[in-house]
Amino acid sequence: MGPHTEDWVQPVITRSRIALEVVSEMMNDRSFLPKQAKVTLRKQGSHQPWEYTIFGSDAPPSIDEVVRGEVDLAIVNPALCLAMAHLGKGRWSDPQPVRLVTVIPSTDQFLFAVAKRTGITSIAEIKEKQAPLRVSMRSQPDHADYLIVEQVLAEYGFSLDDIVSWGGSIYTHGFPPRPDRVAAGEIDAIFDEAVNQWGTNAVKAEMNLLEIDDAMMKRLEAKGFQRGVMTKAEYPILERDIQSIDFSGWPIFVREDADADFVRLFCESLEKRKDRIGWQGSGPLPIERMVIDSEDTPVRVPFHSAAEAYWRERGYLQ
């Protein structure tokens, strides 16, 4: 096992670091498709209980896993999902005991787009005309797109099931969605986020980008939604700015009663490893602004007390 010196490394650490470091490197191999990781930690010994679980998740069900205590720390995209759970709106009938650790920067928007040939120019008209749309949505069944569509359509008084009952259908797609299928007459609508990946092509494919008016947006904001905008400055193909649903931010979160020492250690470790984690911008993770409410880091939920204390000590929170 080696001598007991300052340089001696505990075997249990070596074995665990092999697993963690090698898997971290495997994530960089594009041909290796399993990309979502869940790390479970415990003291050494087969009869010891697993104490902490960290989930590199993305979908709304991770919120329920944290609340139930099955996962100690998780990630969700976008921030509005965590806000909705915190408020007890939408799928959550009561406020959930979730608290923020930090927010990974991401700027994104969600849009409803429908082929011009359908004559649909607003979301309300889908119900009014009982339009039998062939709708394209994400193939990931727990994706936040479904939560957003469910909640928005409910405010308009109908659902995806209603569209199917009117003779429509739901097709699933990978990423990004393909407006060329609309142009080819294979589908009629796309309900999706990552507008920067498909919005311009949707306009080229003769699709109407359906706005949500101010009155409806205020109702959605009461549920935890946040408005976004697809600007003509960023998308010159547009005739004017289009109001959208904000899909920004990847909150890292825990339960309100999460162990303070665990949360603090996570914050410290994230900061120490920030230069090893790729994100949608350049350089190391910008920890110093990942706790400040902004366009790409929406802070919609209170911080866990240990996280807030640590970020204040670092001078990131005033």
Foldseek 3Di string as FASTA:
>chain_A
DDDPDPPDDDPVVVVVCVVVVVVLVVCVDPVPPPNWDKDWDFPDDPPTDTDAIETADEFLVVLVCQLVVVHFKYKYWDPLSLLLLQPQFQPGVHHGQKAFQFWFFDWKFWWKKFAVVQVDQALLVCVVVLALFAEEEAPPVRHCLQSVQQVLVVLSPDHPVSSVVSVHYYHYDHPPDDLVCVLVVNGTIYTGMPCVRPVLVVVVSRMHTHADDPVSVVVVVSSRWDKDKDACVNVVVDPGIGITTIGAIITMMHGLPRDLVVSLVVLVVCVVCQQVDDDPDDGGRPRLCRHPDDNRNHDSGHHRPSSVVNSVVVVSPD
